[in-house]
PDB file of N, CA and C in Angstrom:
ATOM      1  N   MET A   1      18.228 -74.336  93.920  1.00  0.00           N
ATOM      2  CA  MET A   1      18.866 -73.773  92.755  1.00  0.00           C
ATOM      3  C   MET A   1      18.431 -72.313  92.656  1.00  0.00           C
ATOM      4  N   TYR A   2      19.368 -71.471  92.274  1.00  0.00           N
ATOM      5  CA  TYR A   2      19.092 -70.042  92.142  1.00  0.00           C
ATOM      6  C   TYR A   2      19.620 -69.598  90.785  1.00  0.00           C
ATOM      7  N   PHE A   3      18.758 -68.981  89.990  1.00  0.00           N
ATOM      8  CA  PHE A   3      19.165 -68.467  88.682  1.00  0.00           C
ATOM      9  C   PHE A   3      19.330 -66.963  88.799  1.00  0.00           C
ATOM     10  N   LEU A   4      20.478 -66.486  88.397  1.00  0.00           N
ATOM     11  CA  LEU A   4      20.771 -65.063  88.490  1.00  0.00           C
ATOM     12  C   LEU A   4      21.293 -64.577  87.149  1.00  0.00           C
ATOM     13  N   GLN A   5      20.702 -63.517  86.657  1.00  0.00           N
ATOM     14  CA  GLN A   5      21.120 -62.948  85.387  1.00  0.00           C
ATOM     15  C   GLN A   5      21.225 -61.449  85.552  1.00  0.00           C
ATOM     16  N   PHE A   6      22.269 -60.862  85.008  1.00  0.00           N
ATOM     17  CA  PHE A   6      22.479 -59.429  85.127  1.00  0.00           C
ATOM     18  C   PHE A   6      22.324 -58.746  83.782  1.00  0.00           C
ATOM     19  N   ALA A   7      21.622 -57.641  83.798  1.00  0.00           N
ATOM     20  CA  ALA A   7      21.547 -56.777  82.619  1.00  0.00           C
ATOM     21  C   ALA A   7      22.413 -55.558  82.914  1.00  0.00           C
ATOM     22  N   ASN A   8      22.942 -54.977  81.886  1.00  0.00           N
ATOM     23  CA  ASN A   8      23.738 -53.781  82.066  1.00  0.00           C
ATOM     24  C   ASN A   8      22.807 -52.641  82.485  1.00  0.00           C
ATOM     25  N   PRO A   9      23.006 -52.061  83.680  1.00  0.00           N
ATOM     26  CA  PRO A   9      22.096 -51.003  84.132  1.00  0.00           C
ATOM     27  C   PRO A   9      22.095 -49.772  83.231  1.00  0.00           C
ATOM     28  N   PHE A  10      23.160 -49.562  82.469  1.00  0.00           N
ATOM     29  CA  PHE A  10      23.192 -48.412  81.566  1.00  0.00           C
ATOM     30  C   PHE A  10      22.257 -48.597  80.379  1.00  0.00           C
ATOM     31  N   ALA A  11      21.942 -49.855  80.044  1.00  0.00           N
ATOM     32  CA  ALA A  11      21.070 -50.115  78.892  1.00  0.00           C
ATOM     33  C   ALA A  11      19.678 -49.543  79.104  1.00  0.00           C
ATOM     34  N   ILE A  12      19.204 -49.493  80.336  1.00  0.00           N
ATOM     35  CA  ILE A  12      17.877 -48.945  80.604  1.00  0.00           C
ATOM     36  C   ILE A  12      17.938 -47.742  81.532  1.00  0.00           C
ATOM     37  N   GLY A  13      19.139 -47.359  81.930  1.00  0.00           N
ATOM     38  CA  GLY A  13      19.274 -46.251  82.868  1.00  0.00           C
ATOM     39  C   GLY A  13      19.517 -44.897  82.247  1.00  0.00           C
ATOM     40  N   ILE A  14      19.703 -44.876  80.931  1.00  0.00           N
ATOM     41  CA  ILE A  14      19.966 -43.592  80.268  1.00  0.00           C
ATOM     42  C   ILE A  14      18.844 -43.279  79.285  1.00  0.00           C
ATOM     43  N   ASP A  15      18.731 -42.035  78.943  1.00  0.00           N
ATOM     44  CA  ASP A  15      17.753 -41.587  77.954  1.00  0.00           C
ATOM     45  C   ASP A  15      18.496 -41.383  76.634  1.00  0.00           C
ATOM     46  N   GLU A  16      18.430 -42.388  75.771  1.00  0.00           N
ATOM     47  CA  GLU A  16      19.185 -42.358  74.507  1.00  0.00           C
ATOM     48  C   GLU A  16      18.772 -41.221  73.587  1.00  0.00           C
ATOM     49  N   ALA A  17      17.554 -40.741  73.712  1.00  0.00           N
ATOM     50  CA  ALA A  17      17.067 -39.673  72.832  1.00  0.00           C
ATOM     51  C   ALA A  17      17.643 -38.312  73.199  1.00  0.00           C
ATOM     52  N   LYS A  18      18.295 -38.207  74.346  1.00  0.00           N
ATOM     53  CA  LYS A  18      18.769 -36.903  74.811  1.00  0.00           C
ATOM     54  C   LYS A  18      20.293 -36.775  74.825  1.00  0.00           C
ATOM     55  N   TRP A  19      20.966 -37.427  73.896  1.00  0.00           N
ATOM     56  CA  TRP A  19      22.419 -37.282  73.761  1.00  0.00           C
ATOM     57  C   TRP A  19      22.739 -35.824  73.482  1.00  0.00           C
ATOM     58  N   ASP A  20      23.667 -35.235  74.247  1.00  0.00           N
ATOM     59  CA  ASP A  20      24.001 -33.818  74.066  1.00  0.00           C
ATOM     60  C   ASP A  20      25.371 -33.618  73.420  1.00  0.00           C
ATOM     61  N   GLY A  21      25.943 -34.684  72.874  1.00  0.00           N
ATOM     62  CA  GLY A  21      27.255 -34.597  72.252  1.00  0.00           C
ATOM     63  C   GLY A  21      28.374 -34.997  73.190  1.00  0.00           C
ATOM     64  N   GLN A  22      28.094 -35.054  74.482  1.00  0.00           N
ATOM     65  CA  GLN A  22      29.108 -35.439  75.464  1.00  0.00           C
ATOM     66  C   GLN A  22      28.653 -36.564  76.391  1.00  0.00           C
ATOM     67  N   ALA A  23      27.347 -36.626  76.649  1.00  0.00           N
ATOM     68  CA  ALA A  23      26.857 -37.629  77.595  1.00  0.00           C
ATOM     69  C   ALA A  23      25.361 -37.839  77.427  1.00  0.00           C
ATOM     70  N   TYR A  24      24.890 -38.963  77.956  1.00  0.00           N
ATOM     71  CA  TYR A  24      23.455 -39.239  78.042  1.00  0.00           C
ATOM     72  C   TYR A  24      23.007 -38.935  79.463  1.00  0.00           C
ATOM     73  N   PRO A  25      21.895 -38.240  79.632  1.00  0.00           N
ATOM     74  CA  PRO A  25      21.393 -38.035  80.994  1.00  0.00           C
ATOM     75  C   PRO A  25      20.737 -39.316  81.520  1.00  0.00           C
ATOM     76  N   LEU A  26      20.717 -39.446  82.821  1.00  0.00           N
ATOM     77  CA  LEU A  26      20.045 -40.589  83.426  1.00  0.00           C
ATOM     78  C   LEU A  26      18.538 -40.464  83.208  1.00  0.00           C
ATOM     79  N   ALA A  27      17.890 -41.598  82.986  1.00  0.00           N
ATOM     80  CA  ALA A  27      16.447 -41.611  82.739  1.00  0.00           C
ATOM     81  C   ALA A  27      15.650 -41.565  84.040  1.00  0.00           C
ATOM     82  N   GLY A  28      16.276 -41.891  85.142  1.00  0.00           N
ATOM     83  CA  GLY A  28      15.579 -41.886  86.424  1.00  0.00           C
ATOM     84  C   GLY A  28      16.453 -42.481  87.508  1.00  0.00           C
ATOM     85  N   LEU A  29      15.907 -42.566  88.687  1.00  0.00           N
ATOM     86  CA  LEU A  29      16.638 -43.136  89.809  1.00  0.00           C
ATOM     87  C   LEU A  29      16.738 -44.651  89.682  1.00  0.00           C
ATOM     88  N   TYR A  30      17.788 -45.219  90.249  1.00  0.00           N
ATOM     89  CA  TYR A  30      17.950 -46.674  90.306  1.00  0.00           C
ATOM     90  C   TYR A  30      17.278 -47.122  91.597  1.00  0.00           C
ATOM     91  N   ILE A  31      16.060 -47.648  91.485  1.00  0.00           N
ATOM     92  CA  ILE A  31      15.258 -47.979  92.653  1.00  0.00           C
ATOM     93  C   ILE A  31      15.296 -49.490  92.880  1.00  0.00           C
ATOM     94  N   ASP A  32      15.821 -49.899  94.020  1.00  0.00           N
ATOM     95  CA  ASP A  32      15.923 -51.313  94.366  1.00  0.00           C
ATOM     96  C   ASP A  32      14.522 -51.927  94.443  1.00  0.00           C
ATOM     97  N   GLY A  33      14.320 -53.034  93.743  1.00  0.00           N
ATOM     98  CA  GLY A  33      13.042 -53.726  93.749  1.00  0.00           C
ATOM     99  C   GLY A  33      12.055 -53.237  92.705  1.00  0.00           C
ATOM    100  N   GLU A  34      12.427 -52.247  91.907  1.00  0.00           N
ATOM    101  CA  GLU A  34      11.529 -51.679  90.904  1.00  0.00           C
ATOM    102  C   GLU A  34      11.201 -52.715  89.823  1.00  0.00           C
ATOM    103  N   ASP A  35       9.920 -52.817  89.464  1.00  0.00           N
ATOM    104  CA  ASP A  35       9.467 -53.689  88.378  1.00  0.00           C
ATOM    105  C   ASP A  35       9.634 -52.919  87.069  1.00  0.00           C
ATOM    106  N   LEU A  36      10.475 -53.430  86.185  1.00  0.00           N
ATOM    107  CA  LEU A  36      10.792 -52.731  84.937  1.00  0.00           C
ATOM    108  C   LEU A  36       9.866 -53.094  83.781  1.00  0.00           C
ATOM    109  N   SER A  37       8.944 -54.022  83.978  1.00  0.00           N
ATOM    110  CA  SER A  37       8.101 -54.463  82.867  1.00  0.00           C
ATOM    111  C   SER A  37       7.232 -53.332  82.316  1.00  0.00           C
ATOM    112  N   GLY A  38       6.907 -52.330  83.117  1.00  0.00           N
ATOM    113  CA  GLY A  38       6.122 -51.196  82.633  1.00  0.00           C
ATOM    114  C   GLY A  38       6.881 -50.321  81.654  1.00  0.00           C
ATOM    115  N   LYS A  39       8.214 -50.333  81.748  1.00  0.00           N
ATOM    116  CA  LYS A  39       9.030 -49.526  80.824  1.00  0.00           C
ATOM    117  C   LYS A  39       9.116 -50.171  79.448  1.00  0.00           C
ATOM    118  N   PHE A  40       8.982 -51.487  79.414  1.00  0.00           N
ATOM    119  CA  PHE A  40       9.049 -52.254  78.172  1.00  0.00           C
ATOM    120  C   PHE A  40       7.881 -53.237  78.159  1.00  0.00           C
ATOM    121  N   PRO A  41       6.642 -52.740  77.930  1.00  0.00           N
ATOM    122  CA  PRO A  41       5.464 -53.610  78.067  1.00  0.00           C
ATOM    123  C   PRO A  41       5.380 -54.733  77.036  1.00  0.00           C
ATOM    124  N   GLU A  42       6.023 -54.564  75.897  1.00  0.00           N
ATOM    125  CA  GLU A  42       6.007 -55.608  74.872  1.00  0.00           C
ATOM    126  C   GLU A  42       7.408 -55.874  74.359  1.00  0.00           C
ATOM    127  N   TRP A  43       7.653 -57.122  74.043  1.00  0.00           N
ATOM    128  CA  TRP A  43       8.911 -57.522  73.428  1.00  0.00           C
ATOM    129  C   TRP A  43       8.629 -57.975  72.007  1.00  0.00           C
ATOM    130  N   ASP A  44       9.556 -57.711  71.106  1.00  0.00           N
ATOM    131  CA  ASP A  44       9.488 -58.248  69.747  1.00  0.00           C
ATOM    132  C   ASP A  44      10.351 -59.498  69.717  1.00  0.00           C
ATOM    133  N   ILE A  45       9.728 -60.639  69.476  1.00  0.00           N
ATOM    134  CA  ILE A  45      10.440 -61.922  69.449  1.00  0.00           C
ATOM    135  C   ILE A  45      10.635 -62.330  67.998  1.00  0.00           C
ATOM    136  N   LYS A  46      11.897 -62.482  67.613  1.00  0.00           N
ATOM    137  CA  LYS A  46      12.216 -62.850  66.232  1.00  0.00           C
ATOM    138  C   LYS A  46      12.008 -64.351  66.040  1.00  0.00           C
ATOM    139  N   GLN A  47      11.255 -64.689  65.012  1.00  0.00           N
ATOM    140  CA  GLN A  47      10.979 -66.085  64.685  1.00  0.00           C
ATOM    141  C   GLN A  47      12.048 -66.618  63.733  1.00  0.00           C
ATOM    142  N   SER A  48      12.078 -67.944  63.552  1.00  0.00           N
ATOM    143  CA  SER A  48      13.090 -68.556  62.689  1.00  0.00           C
ATOM    144  C   SER A  48      12.960 -68.111  61.230  1.00  0.00           C
ATOM    145  N   ASP A  49      11.754 -67.686  60.823  1.00  0.00           N
ATOM    146  CA  ASP A  49      11.574 -67.218  59.445  1.00  0.00           C
ATOM    147  C   ASP A  49      11.899 -65.726  59.286  1.00  0.00           C
ATOM    148  N   GLY A  50      12.332 -65.076  60.387  1.00  0.00           N
ATOM    149  CA  GLY A  50      12.706 -63.666  60.340  1.00  0.00           C
ATOM    150  C   GLY A  50      11.587 -62.720  60.730  1.00  0.00           C
ATOM    151  N   SER A  51      10.373 -63.228  60.845  1.00  0.00           N
ATOM    152  CA  SER A  51       9.248 -62.369  61.237  1.00  0.00           C
ATOM    153  C   SER A  51       9.321 -62.060  62.732  1.00  0.00           C
ATOM    154  N   LEU A  52       8.610 -61.016  63.145  1.00  0.00           N
ATOM    155  CA  LEU A  52       8.575 -60.612  64.539  1.00  0.00           C
ATOM    156  C   LEU A  52       7.185 -60.845  65.109  1.00  0.00           C
ATOM    157  N   VAL A  53       7.148 -61.345  66.325  1.00  0.00           N
ATOM    158  CA  VAL A  53       5.899 -61.558  67.042  1.00  0.00           C
ATOM    159  C   VAL A  53       5.981 -60.748  68.328  1.00  0.00           C
ATOM    160  N   LYS A  54       4.940 -59.967  68.624  1.00  0.00           N
ATOM    161  CA  LYS A  54       4.907 -59.195  69.868  1.00  0.00           C
ATOM    162  C   LYS A  54       4.345 -60.065  70.985  1.00  0.00           C
ATOM    163  N   CYS A  55       4.956 -59.969  72.167  1.00  0.00           N
ATOM    164  CA  CYS A  55       4.412 -60.659  73.327  1.00  0.00           C
ATOM    165  C   CYS A  55       4.600 -59.754  74.545  1.00  0.00           C
ATOM    166  N   SER A  56       3.781 -60.013  75.544  1.00  0.00           N
ATOM    167  CA  SER A  56       3.898 -59.234  76.786  1.00  0.00           C
ATOM    168  C   SER A  56       5.233 -59.525  77.445  1.00  0.00           C
ATOM    169  N   SER A  57       5.856 -58.502  77.984  1.00  0.00           N
ATOM    170  CA  SER A  57       7.156 -58.713  78.620  1.00  0.00           C
ATOM    171  C   SER A  57       6.988 -59.427  79.953  1.00  0.00           C
ATOM    172  N   PRO A  58       7.983 -60.208  80.338  1.00  0.00           N
ATOM    173  CA  PRO A  58       7.944 -60.803  81.676  1.00  0.00           C
ATOM    174  C   PRO A  58       8.249 -59.722  82.710  1.00  0.00           C
ATOM    175  N   HIS A  59       8.022 -60.034  83.963  1.00  0.00           N
ATOM    176  CA  HIS A  59       8.386 -59.085  85.014  1.00  0.00           C
ATOM    177  C   HIS A  59       9.883 -59.184  85.253  1.00  0.00           C
ATOM    178  N   GLU A  60      10.521 -58.043  85.273  1.00  0.00           N
ATOM    179  CA  GLU A  60      11.959 -57.961  85.535  1.00  0.00           C
ATOM    180  C   GLU A  60      12.140 -56.942  86.647  1.00  0.00           C
ATOM    181  N   TYR A  61      12.844 -57.341  87.683  1.00  0.00           N
ATOM    182  CA  TYR A  61      13.010 -56.478  88.843  1.00  0.00           C
ATOM    183  C   TYR A  61      14.453 -56.023  88.958  1.00  0.00           C
ATOM    184  N   ARG A  62      14.629 -54.777  89.271  1.00  0.00           N
ATOM    185  CA  ARG A  62      15.946 -54.179  89.434  1.00  0.00           C
ATOM    186  C   ARG A  62      16.369 -54.318  90.894  1.00  0.00           C
ATOM    187  N   HIS A  63      17.582 -54.799  91.110  1.00  0.00           N
ATOM    188  CA  HIS A  63      18.116 -54.934  92.470  1.00  0.00           C
ATOM    189  C   HIS A  63      19.563 -54.469  92.501  1.00  0.00           C
ATOM    190  N   THR A  64      19.956 -53.932  93.626  1.00  0.00           N
ATOM    191  CA  THR A  64      21.366 -53.577  93.794  1.00  0.00           C
ATOM    192  C   THR A  64      22.158 -54.853  94.036  1.00  0.00           C
ATOM    193  N   LEU A  65      23.438 -54.797  93.778  1.00  0.00           N
ATOM    194  CA  LEU A  65      24.300 -55.966  94.006  1.00  0.00           C
ATOM    195  C   LEU A  65      24.278 -56.342  95.492  1.00  0.00           C
ATOM    196  N   GLY A  66      24.224 -55.362  96.361  1.00  0.00           N
ATOM    197  CA  GLY A  66      24.162 -55.630  97.809  1.00  0.00           C
ATOM    198  C   GLY A  66      22.918 -56.415  98.187  1.00  0.00           C
ATOM    199  N   THR A  67      21.784 -56.074  97.600  1.00  0.00           N
ATOM    200  CA  THR A  67      20.545 -56.796  97.885  1.00  0.00           C
ATOM    201  C   THR A  67      20.653 -58.250  97.422  1.00  0.00           C
ATOM    202  N   VAL A  68      21.205 -58.468  96.250  1.00  0.00           N
ATOM    203  CA  VAL A  68      21.347 -59.832  95.717  1.00  0.00           C
ATOM    204  C   VAL A  68      22.286 -60.662  96.593  1.00  0.00           C
ATOM    205  N   LEU A  69      23.472 -60.122  96.887  1.00  0.00           N
ATOM    206  CA  LEU A  69      24.449 -60.883  97.671  1.00  0.00           C
ATOM    207  C   LEU A  69      23.977 -61.123  99.104  1.00  0.00           C
ATOM    208  N   ASN A  70      23.388 -60.130  99.730  1.00  0.00           N
ATOM    209  CA  ASN A  70      22.891 -60.315 101.101  1.00  0.00           C
ATOM    210  C   ASN A  70      21.733 -61.294 101.129  1.00  0.00           C
ATOM    211  N   GLY A  71      20.881 -61.289 100.120  1.00  0.00           N
ATOM    212  CA  GLY A  71      19.799 -62.248 100.047  1.00  0.00           C
ATOM    213  C   GLY A  71      20.290 -63.661  99.880  1.00  0.00           C
ATOM    214  N   MET A  72      21.303 -63.861  99.070  1.00  0.00           N
ATOM    215  CA  MET A  72      21.873 -65.201  98.891  1.00  0.00           C
ATOM    216  C   MET A  72      22.571 -65.654 100.174  1.00  0.00           C
ATOM    217  N   ALA A  73      23.225 -64.754 100.859  1.00  0.00           N
ATOM    218  CA  ALA A  73      23.919 -65.116 102.106  1.00  0.00           C
ATOM    219  C   ALA A  73      22.928 -65.492 103.211  1.00  0.00           C
ATOM    220  N   ARG A  74      21.769 -64.807 103.215  1.00  0.00           N
ATOM    221  CA  ARG A  74      20.735 -65.133 104.217  1.00  0.00           C
ATOM    222  C   ARG A  74      20.211 -66.517 103.980  1.00  0.00           C
TER     223      ARG A  74
END
């Protein structure tokens, strides 16, 4: 069994603080295999009572579509 989930690369690929009225600049290179957990070291998890609990983020790795498809084909 293989679980595959995609995040929108623009959600973490742009620098939202630097909107210039026309576009957002890229925050960095899209590096295949990059561990993204350092960019978001903590997550706020909403509880059923509405409170937030901080927890360490899981490891999330960025991969190109070619890497994913070729890996599954292998």
